[in-house]
Amino acid sequence: MLPKPTARLRFREMSPADLDVMAALLGDPDVMAFYPAPKSRPEAAQWIAWNEANYARLRYGLWIVETHDGEFLGDCGLTWQDVNGRSELEAGYHLRTPAQGRGYATEAAAACRDFAREVVRVRRLVALIHPDNTPSRRVAERIGMTHIEDDHHGSMVRTVMGVELG
């Protein structure tokens, strides 16, 4: 199960064959600026394995996002997160630095929002965003999310954006 392709994008499941592109994406200090640290190659392999386990268990996770001609842009999808002690479905997205600022994240996140509504049938979708990550917050706002609350996850404060789906 995948989100529907958009005008410019398509989705596919991650696999171990994606290790090089995912290690480059998750190891990029600019992409991971609002995470505690960029991920190592072994951590990128764990990221892929985590998503493969999500596909097997839930039938969704974070997917590879590509242009229709196969250019790798990043990942986007749905994962369950702990938000202030409760489980919430999150739309997450990471795009290669050259792909940022071109509307791809919004287009991909909107497709994942629609998938969450139509296929997963959750009542609410959230995005957990570092308070200083203005571009990510703008993506969330463009797909209809508004600030719900703040989440104090360990030593990191996260802004919780959300949209009611049904």
N, C-alpha and C. Protein backbone atom coordinates (compact mmCIF):
# COMPACT_ATOMS: atom_id res chain seq x y z
N MET A 1 0.85 -1.18 0.00
CA MET A 1 0.00 0.00 0.00
C MET A 1 0.89 1.24 0.00
N LEU A 2 0.59 2.13 -0.90
CA LEU A 2 1.36 3.36 -1.04
C LEU A 2 0.42 4.54 -1.24
N PRO A 3 0.87 5.74 -0.89
CA PRO A 3 0.08 6.93 -1.27
C PRO A 3 -0.04 7.00 -2.78
N LYS A 4 -1.10 7.65 -3.23
CA LYS A 4 -1.28 7.84 -4.66
C LYS A 4 -0.17 8.74 -5.21
N PRO A 5 0.30 8.45 -6.41
CA PRO A 5 1.27 9.37 -7.02
C PRO A 5 0.65 10.76 -7.15
N THR A 6 1.49 11.76 -7.13
CA THR A 6 1.05 13.14 -7.29
C THR A 6 1.44 13.61 -8.69
N ALA A 7 1.23 14.86 -8.97
CA ALA A 7 1.58 15.40 -10.29
C ALA A 7 3.07 15.22 -10.59
N ARG A 8 3.92 15.31 -9.55
CA ARG A 8 5.37 15.24 -9.78
C ARG A 8 6.06 14.08 -9.10
N LEU A 9 5.37 13.41 -8.16
CA LEU A 9 6.04 12.45 -7.28
C LEU A 9 5.40 11.08 -7.29
N ARG A 10 6.24 10.10 -6.95
CA ARG A 10 5.75 8.75 -6.71
C ARG A 10 6.42 8.22 -5.44
N PHE A 11 5.82 7.20 -4.85
CA PHE A 11 6.30 6.61 -3.61
C PHE A 11 6.62 5.14 -3.84
N ARG A 12 7.57 4.64 -3.05
CA ARG A 12 7.85 3.20 -3.04
C ARG A 12 8.43 2.84 -1.68
N GLU A 13 8.36 1.56 -1.36
CA GLU A 13 8.92 1.10 -0.08
C GLU A 13 10.45 1.16 -0.13
N MET A 14 11.04 1.44 1.03
CA MET A 14 12.49 1.38 1.17
C MET A 14 12.92 -0.08 1.19
N SER A 15 14.17 -0.29 0.78
CA SER A 15 14.77 -1.63 0.87
C SER A 15 16.27 -1.45 1.14
N PRO A 16 16.96 -2.53 1.49
CA PRO A 16 18.41 -2.42 1.71
C PRO A 16 19.15 -1.86 0.50
N ALA A 17 18.59 -1.99 -0.70
CA ALA A 17 19.23 -1.43 -1.89
C ALA A 17 19.29 0.10 -1.85
N ASP A 18 18.52 0.71 -0.95
CA ASP A 18 18.50 2.18 -0.82
C ASP A 18 19.51 2.70 0.20
N LEU A 19 20.37 1.83 0.70
CA LEU A 19 21.27 2.26 1.77
C LEU A 19 22.14 3.45 1.36
N ASP A 20 22.69 3.45 0.18
CA ASP A 20 23.57 4.57 -0.22
C ASP A 20 22.83 5.90 -0.19
N VAL A 21 21.63 5.96 -0.81
CA VAL A 21 20.91 7.24 -0.86
C VAL A 21 20.37 7.63 0.51
N MET A 22 19.93 6.65 1.30
CA MET A 22 19.41 6.97 2.63
C MET A 22 20.53 7.38 3.58
N ALA A 23 21.69 6.74 3.47
CA ALA A 23 22.83 7.14 4.31
C ALA A 23 23.26 8.56 3.97
N ALA A 24 23.25 8.90 2.68
CA ALA A 24 23.60 10.28 2.28
C ALA A 24 22.56 11.27 2.81
N LEU A 25 21.27 10.93 2.69
CA LEU A 25 20.21 11.81 3.17
C LEU A 25 20.29 12.01 4.68
N LEU A 26 20.28 10.91 5.43
CA LEU A 26 20.24 10.98 6.89
C LEU A 26 21.57 11.37 7.51
N GLY A 27 22.64 11.29 6.71
CA GLY A 27 23.96 11.71 7.19
C GLY A 27 24.29 13.16 6.86
N ASP A 28 23.40 13.82 6.13
CA ASP A 28 23.63 15.21 5.72
C ASP A 28 23.36 16.14 6.90
N PRO A 29 24.36 16.89 7.36
CA PRO A 29 24.15 17.78 8.51
C PRO A 29 23.07 18.83 8.28
N ASP A 30 22.88 19.27 7.03
CA ASP A 30 21.83 20.26 6.76
C ASP A 30 20.45 19.64 6.88
N VAL A 31 20.25 18.45 6.32
CA VAL A 31 18.96 17.75 6.41
C VAL A 31 18.63 17.43 7.87
N MET A 32 19.65 17.06 8.63
CA MET A 32 19.44 16.61 10.01
C MET A 32 19.74 17.71 11.04
N ALA A 33 19.71 18.97 10.62
CA ALA A 33 20.08 20.09 11.49
C ALA A 33 19.25 20.15 12.76
N PHE A 34 18.03 19.67 12.74
CA PHE A 34 17.17 19.77 13.91
C PHE A 34 17.04 18.46 14.65
N TYR A 35 17.89 17.51 14.36
CA TYR A 35 18.01 16.24 15.08
C TYR A 35 19.22 16.36 16.00
N PRO A 36 19.34 15.49 16.98
CA PRO A 36 20.53 15.55 17.84
C PRO A 36 21.84 15.45 17.06
N ALA A 37 21.84 14.63 15.98
CA ALA A 37 23.04 14.47 15.15
C ALA A 37 22.65 13.78 13.85
N PRO A 38 23.44 13.99 12.80
CA PRO A 38 23.20 13.20 11.58
C PRO A 38 23.37 11.71 11.89
N LYS A 39 22.79 10.87 11.07
CA LYS A 39 22.86 9.42 11.29
C LYS A 39 24.04 8.83 10.52
N SER A 40 24.64 7.82 11.14
CA SER A 40 25.73 7.09 10.51
C SER A 40 25.16 6.10 9.49
N ARG A 41 26.03 5.51 8.69
CA ARG A 41 25.59 4.51 7.73
C ARG A 41 24.89 3.33 8.43
N PRO A 42 25.43 2.79 9.52
CA PRO A 42 24.71 1.72 10.22
C PRO A 42 23.35 2.19 10.76
N GLU A 43 23.26 3.44 11.20
CA GLU A 43 21.97 3.96 11.66
C GLU A 43 20.99 4.11 10.50
N ALA A 44 21.49 4.47 9.32
CA ALA A 44 20.63 4.53 8.14
C ALA A 44 20.12 3.13 7.79
N ALA A 45 20.97 2.13 7.93
CA ALA A 45 20.52 0.74 7.70
C ALA A 45 19.44 0.36 8.70
N GLN A 46 19.59 0.78 9.95
CA GLN A 46 18.55 0.51 10.96
C GLN A 46 17.26 1.24 10.61
N TRP A 47 17.36 2.44 10.07
CA TRP A 47 16.20 3.23 9.64
C TRP A 47 15.40 2.46 8.58
N ILE A 48 16.14 1.91 7.61
CA ILE A 48 15.50 1.12 6.55
C ILE A 48 14.84 -0.11 7.15
N ALA A 49 15.55 -0.81 8.03
CA ALA A 49 14.99 -2.03 8.66
C ALA A 49 13.75 -1.70 9.48
N TRP A 50 13.77 -0.57 10.19
CA TRP A 50 12.60 -0.14 10.97
C TRP A 50 11.41 0.08 10.06
N ASN A 51 11.64 0.71 8.92
CA ASN A 51 10.54 0.93 7.97
C ASN A 51 10.06 -0.37 7.35
N GLU A 52 10.97 -1.28 7.03
CA GLU A 52 10.54 -2.58 6.51
C GLU A 52 9.68 -3.32 7.54
N ALA A 53 10.04 -3.21 8.82
CA ALA A 53 9.22 -3.83 9.87
C ALA A 53 7.85 -3.15 9.95
N ASN A 54 7.81 -1.83 9.80
CA ASN A 54 6.53 -1.12 9.79
C ASN A 54 5.66 -1.56 8.61
N TYR A 55 6.27 -1.73 7.42
CA TYR A 55 5.49 -2.19 6.27
C TYR A 55 4.89 -3.55 6.55
N ALA A 56 5.69 -4.45 7.14
CA ALA A 56 5.22 -5.81 7.42
C ALA A 56 4.11 -5.81 8.47
N ARG A 57 4.26 -4.98 9.50
CA ARG A 57 3.30 -4.98 10.62
C ARG A 57 2.08 -4.12 10.33
N LEU A 58 2.30 -2.92 9.77
CA LEU A 58 1.22 -1.94 9.63
C LEU A 58 0.76 -1.75 8.18
N ARG A 59 1.63 -2.13 7.24
CA ARG A 59 1.42 -1.91 5.80
C ARG A 59 1.73 -0.47 5.38
N TYR A 60 2.38 0.30 6.24
CA TYR A 60 2.83 1.65 5.90
C TYR A 60 4.01 2.02 6.78
N GLY A 61 4.67 3.09 6.45
CA GLY A 61 5.83 3.61 7.17
C GLY A 61 6.30 4.85 6.44
N LEU A 62 7.58 5.10 6.46
CA LEU A 62 8.16 6.15 5.63
C LEU A 62 8.51 5.51 4.29
N TRP A 63 8.17 6.18 3.21
CA TRP A 63 8.44 5.67 1.88
C TRP A 63 9.49 6.52 1.19
N ILE A 64 10.17 5.93 0.21
CA ILE A 64 11.05 6.68 -0.67
C ILE A 64 10.17 7.57 -1.54
N VAL A 65 10.57 8.83 -1.69
CA VAL A 65 9.89 9.77 -2.57
C VAL A 65 10.81 10.03 -3.75
N GLU A 66 10.24 9.85 -4.95
CA GLU A 66 11.00 10.06 -6.18
C GLU A 66 10.16 10.89 -7.15
N THR A 67 10.85 11.52 -8.09
CA THR A 67 10.13 12.12 -9.21
C THR A 67 9.66 10.98 -10.10
N HIS A 68 8.77 11.28 -11.04
CA HIS A 68 8.26 10.24 -11.93
C HIS A 68 9.35 9.64 -12.82
N ASP A 69 10.45 10.37 -13.00
CA ASP A 69 11.56 9.80 -13.79
C ASP A 69 12.59 9.09 -12.92
N GLY A 70 12.28 8.92 -11.61
CA GLY A 70 13.13 8.11 -10.74
C GLY A 70 14.17 8.85 -9.94
N GLU A 71 14.18 10.18 -9.97
CA GLU A 71 15.16 10.94 -9.17
C GLU A 71 14.80 10.82 -7.69
N PHE A 72 15.75 10.36 -6.88
CA PHE A 72 15.55 10.24 -5.43
C PHE A 72 15.50 11.63 -4.80
N LEU A 73 14.43 11.89 -4.04
CA LEU A 73 14.28 13.18 -3.36
C LEU A 73 14.42 13.06 -1.85
N GLY A 74 13.98 11.94 -1.28
CA GLY A 74 14.03 11.77 0.17
C GLY A 74 13.05 10.73 0.63
N ASP A 75 12.54 10.92 1.85
CA ASP A 75 11.51 10.01 2.36
C ASP A 75 10.37 10.82 2.96
N CYS A 76 9.21 10.20 2.99
CA CYS A 76 8.02 10.82 3.57
C CYS A 76 7.05 9.70 3.89
N GLY A 77 6.35 9.84 4.99
CA GLY A 77 5.36 8.82 5.31
C GLY A 77 4.80 8.96 6.70
N LEU A 78 4.32 7.83 7.21
CA LEU A 78 3.55 7.79 8.45
C LEU A 78 4.19 6.85 9.45
N THR A 79 4.40 7.34 10.67
CA THR A 79 4.91 6.49 11.75
C THR A 79 4.22 6.86 13.06
N TRP A 80 4.07 5.87 13.91
CA TRP A 80 3.47 6.12 15.23
C TRP A 80 4.53 6.66 16.17
N GLN A 81 4.17 7.72 16.90
CA GLN A 81 5.08 8.39 17.82
C GLN A 81 4.42 8.57 19.18
N ASP A 82 5.25 8.62 20.22
CA ASP A 82 4.77 8.94 21.56
C ASP A 82 4.75 10.46 21.69
N VAL A 83 3.57 11.00 21.95
CA VAL A 83 3.40 12.45 22.12
C VAL A 83 2.77 12.67 23.49
N ASN A 84 3.57 13.19 24.41
CA ASN A 84 3.08 13.46 25.76
C ASN A 84 2.34 12.26 26.35
N GLY A 85 2.91 11.07 26.14
CA GLY A 85 2.37 9.86 26.76
C GLY A 85 1.25 9.18 25.99
N ARG A 86 0.94 9.65 24.79
CA ARG A 86 -0.10 8.98 24.00
C ARG A 86 0.45 8.71 22.60
N SER A 87 -0.12 7.74 21.94
CA SER A 87 0.32 7.35 20.61
C SER A 87 -0.41 8.19 19.56
N GLU A 88 0.36 8.81 18.66
CA GLU A 88 -0.20 9.64 17.59
C GLU A 88 0.48 9.25 16.28
N LEU A 89 -0.27 9.27 15.20
CA LEU A 89 0.29 9.00 13.88
C LEU A 89 0.91 10.29 13.34
N GLU A 90 2.17 10.20 12.98
CA GLU A 90 2.90 11.38 12.50
C GLU A 90 3.18 11.28 11.01
N ALA A 91 3.06 12.40 10.33
CA ALA A 91 3.57 12.55 8.96
C ALA A 91 4.97 13.12 9.09
N GLY A 92 5.95 12.37 8.59
CA GLY A 92 7.34 12.81 8.64
C GLY A 92 7.91 12.94 7.25
N TYR A 93 8.91 13.79 7.09
CA TYR A 93 9.50 14.02 5.77
C TYR A 93 10.93 14.51 5.91
N HIS A 94 11.78 14.03 5.02
CA HIS A 94 13.17 14.46 4.91
C HIS A 94 13.48 14.56 3.42
N LEU A 95 13.96 15.70 2.97
CA LEU A 95 14.31 15.86 1.56
C LEU A 95 15.76 16.26 1.41
N ARG A 96 16.39 15.75 0.35
CA ARG A 96 17.75 16.15 0.02
C ARG A 96 17.80 17.67 -0.09
N THR A 97 18.89 18.26 0.33
CA THR A 97 19.03 19.71 0.33
C THR A 97 18.72 20.33 -1.04
N PRO A 98 19.21 19.78 -2.17
CA PRO A 98 18.89 20.42 -3.46
C PRO A 98 17.39 20.35 -3.82
N ALA A 99 16.64 19.45 -3.20
CA ALA A 99 15.21 19.31 -3.50
C ALA A 99 14.34 20.20 -2.62
N GLN A 100 14.94 20.82 -1.61
CA GLN A 100 14.16 21.64 -0.68
C GLN A 100 13.76 22.97 -1.32
N GLY A 101 12.64 23.51 -0.85
CA GLY A 101 12.19 24.81 -1.32
C GLY A 101 11.50 24.77 -2.68
N ARG A 102 11.12 23.59 -3.16
CA ARG A 102 10.49 23.44 -4.47
C ARG A 102 9.08 22.87 -4.37
N GLY A 103 8.55 22.77 -3.14
CA GLY A 103 7.19 22.28 -2.95
C GLY A 103 7.06 20.77 -2.88
N TYR A 104 8.16 20.04 -3.01
CA TYR A 104 8.09 18.58 -2.97
C TYR A 104 7.62 18.07 -1.60
N ALA A 105 8.14 18.65 -0.52
CA ALA A 105 7.75 18.17 0.82
C ALA A 105 6.26 18.36 1.04
N THR A 106 5.73 19.50 0.64
CA THR A 106 4.30 19.75 0.81
C THR A 106 3.48 18.77 -0.03
N GLU A 107 3.90 18.55 -1.26
CA GLU A 107 3.19 17.64 -2.16
C GLU A 107 3.20 16.22 -1.60
N ALA A 108 4.36 15.77 -1.12
CA ALA A 108 4.47 14.42 -0.55
C ALA A 108 3.69 14.31 0.75
N ALA A 109 3.81 15.31 1.62
CA ALA A 109 3.10 15.26 2.91
C ALA A 109 1.58 15.29 2.71
N ALA A 110 1.10 16.03 1.72
CA ALA A 110 -0.34 16.05 1.44
C ALA A 110 -0.82 14.68 0.98
N ALA A 111 -0.03 14.01 0.15
CA ALA A 111 -0.40 12.66 -0.29
C ALA A 111 -0.44 11.70 0.90
N CYS A 112 0.50 11.85 1.83
CA CYS A 112 0.52 11.00 3.02
C CYS A 112 -0.65 11.33 3.96
N ARG A 113 -1.00 12.61 4.06
CA ARG A 113 -2.18 13.02 4.83
C ARG A 113 -3.43 12.35 4.26
N ASP A 114 -3.57 12.38 2.95
CA ASP A 114 -4.73 11.77 2.31
C ASP A 114 -4.74 10.25 2.53
N PHE A 115 -3.57 9.63 2.47
CA PHE A 115 -3.45 8.19 2.73
C PHE A 115 -3.88 7.89 4.17
N ALA A 116 -3.45 8.73 5.12
CA ALA A 116 -3.83 8.53 6.52
C ALA A 116 -5.34 8.62 6.69
N ARG A 117 -5.98 9.53 5.98
CA ARG A 117 -7.43 9.72 6.06
C ARG A 117 -8.17 8.56 5.38
N GLU A 118 -7.77 8.25 4.15
CA GLU A 118 -8.53 7.32 3.32
C GLU A 118 -8.22 5.86 3.55
N VAL A 119 -6.98 5.54 3.90
CA VAL A 119 -6.57 4.14 4.03
C VAL A 119 -6.40 3.73 5.50
N VAL A 120 -5.62 4.50 6.25
CA VAL A 120 -5.40 4.17 7.66
C VAL A 120 -6.63 4.53 8.49
N ARG A 121 -7.35 5.56 8.07
CA ARG A 121 -8.59 6.02 8.71
C ARG A 121 -8.38 6.46 10.16
N VAL A 122 -7.32 7.23 10.36
CA VAL A 122 -7.11 7.82 11.68
C VAL A 122 -7.89 9.12 11.78
N ARG A 123 -8.16 9.52 13.00
CA ARG A 123 -8.94 10.74 13.22
C ARG A 123 -8.07 12.00 13.21
N ARG A 124 -6.77 11.82 13.55
CA ARG A 124 -5.88 12.98 13.59
C ARG A 124 -4.49 12.56 13.12
N LEU A 125 -3.85 13.48 12.44
CA LEU A 125 -2.48 13.31 11.99
C LEU A 125 -1.66 14.45 12.58
N VAL A 126 -0.46 14.14 13.06
CA VAL A 126 0.39 15.16 13.65
C VAL A 126 1.73 15.23 12.92
N ALA A 127 2.46 16.27 13.20
CA ALA A 127 3.86 16.42 12.80
C ALA A 127 4.62 16.94 14.01
N LEU A 128 5.73 16.31 14.32
CA LEU A 128 6.58 16.74 15.44
C LEU A 128 7.74 17.53 14.87
N ILE A 129 7.82 18.79 15.24
CA ILE A 129 8.75 19.70 14.59
C ILE A 129 9.55 20.46 15.64
N HIS A 130 10.85 20.53 15.43
CA HIS A 130 11.70 21.35 16.30
C HIS A 130 11.19 22.80 16.22
N PRO A 131 11.09 23.49 17.34
CA PRO A 131 10.54 24.85 17.33
C PRO A 131 11.23 25.83 16.37
N ASP A 132 12.51 25.60 16.07
CA ASP A 132 13.24 26.50 15.18
C ASP A 132 13.19 26.09 13.70
N ASN A 133 12.51 24.98 13.40
CA ASN A 133 12.48 24.47 12.03
C ASN A 133 11.31 25.09 11.26
N THR A 134 11.47 26.33 10.89
CA THR A 134 10.42 27.08 10.20
C THR A 134 10.00 26.44 8.88
N PRO A 135 10.92 25.97 8.02
CA PRO A 135 10.46 25.35 6.77
C PRO A 135 9.56 24.13 7.01
N SER A 136 9.89 23.30 7.98
CA SER A 136 9.06 22.13 8.27
C SER A 136 7.69 22.55 8.81
N ARG A 137 7.69 23.56 9.62
CA ARG A 137 6.41 24.07 10.14
C ARG A 137 5.54 24.60 8.99
N ARG A 138 6.15 25.26 8.03
CA ARG A 138 5.38 25.77 6.88
C ARG A 138 4.77 24.62 6.07
N VAL A 139 5.52 23.53 5.90
CA VAL A 139 4.97 22.35 5.21
C VAL A 139 3.73 21.85 5.96
N ALA A 140 3.84 21.71 7.28
CA ALA A 140 2.71 21.24 8.08
C ALA A 140 1.51 22.17 7.93
N GLU A 141 1.76 23.47 7.96
CA GLU A 141 0.66 24.44 7.81
C GLU A 141 0.01 24.33 6.44
N ARG A 142 0.82 24.10 5.41
CA ARG A 142 0.28 24.01 4.05
C ARG A 142 -0.63 22.80 3.85
N ILE A 143 -0.44 21.77 4.68
CA ILE A 143 -1.33 20.60 4.55
C ILE A 143 -2.46 20.65 5.60
N GLY A 144 -2.65 21.82 6.19
CA GLY A 144 -3.79 22.03 7.06
C GLY A 144 -3.54 21.89 8.54
N MET A 145 -2.30 21.71 8.95
CA MET A 145 -2.00 21.53 10.37
C MET A 145 -1.87 22.86 11.09
N THR A 146 -2.24 22.85 12.36
CA THR A 146 -2.07 23.99 13.24
C THR A 146 -1.41 23.52 14.53
N HIS A 147 -0.87 24.46 15.30
CA HIS A 147 -0.22 24.12 16.56
C HIS A 147 -1.24 23.54 17.53
N ILE A 148 -0.91 22.39 18.12
CA ILE A 148 -1.78 21.76 19.13
C ILE A 148 -1.19 21.95 20.52
N GLU A 149 0.08 21.64 20.66
CA GLU A 149 0.73 21.65 21.96
C GLU A 149 2.23 21.52 21.75
N ASP A 150 2.97 21.57 22.85
CA ASP A 150 4.40 21.26 22.80
C ASP A 150 4.60 19.92 23.49
N ASP A 151 5.61 19.20 23.04
CA ASP A 151 5.95 17.89 23.59
C ASP A 151 7.36 17.97 24.12
N HIS A 152 7.57 17.57 25.35
CA HIS A 152 8.90 17.57 25.96
C HIS A 152 9.42 16.15 25.95
N HIS A 153 10.08 15.80 24.85
CA HIS A 153 10.58 14.44 24.62
C HIS A 153 12.04 14.39 25.04
N GLY A 154 12.27 13.90 26.24
CA GLY A 154 13.64 13.90 26.74
C GLY A 154 14.12 15.32 26.91
N SER A 155 15.27 15.64 26.33
CA SER A 155 15.82 16.99 26.46
C SER A 155 15.39 17.89 25.30
N MET A 156 14.62 17.35 24.37
CA MET A 156 14.25 18.12 23.18
C MET A 156 12.78 18.52 23.23
N VAL A 157 12.50 19.77 23.03
CA VAL A 157 11.11 20.24 22.92
C VAL A 157 10.70 20.12 21.46
N ARG A 158 9.50 19.59 21.24
CA ARG A 158 8.98 19.48 19.88
C ARG A 158 7.63 20.17 19.83
N THR A 159 7.42 20.94 18.77
CA THR A 159 6.11 21.54 18.52
C THR A 159 5.24 20.47 17.87
N VAL A 160 4.03 20.30 18.37
CA VAL A 160 3.12 19.33 17.80
C VAL A 160 2.11 20.08 16.95
N MET A 161 2.16 19.84 15.65
CA MET A 161 1.19 20.38 14.71
C MET A 161 0.20 19.26 14.42
N GLY A 162 -1.04 19.57 14.13
CA GLY A 162 -1.99 18.51 13.84
C GLY A 162 -3.13 18.96 12.98
N VAL A 163 -3.79 17.98 12.36
CA VAL A 163 -4.99 18.22 11.56
C VAL A 163 -5.97 17.09 11.84
N GLU A 164 -7.22 17.47 12.07
CA GLU A 164 -8.29 16.49 12.26
C GLU A 164 -8.67 15.94 10.89
N LEU A 165 -8.79 14.61 10.79
CA LEU A 165 -9.07 13.98 9.52
C LEU A 165 -10.47 13.40 9.42
N GLY A 166 -11.15 13.28 10.52
CA GLY A 166 -12.47 12.67 10.39
C GLY A 166 -13.26 12.62 11.65
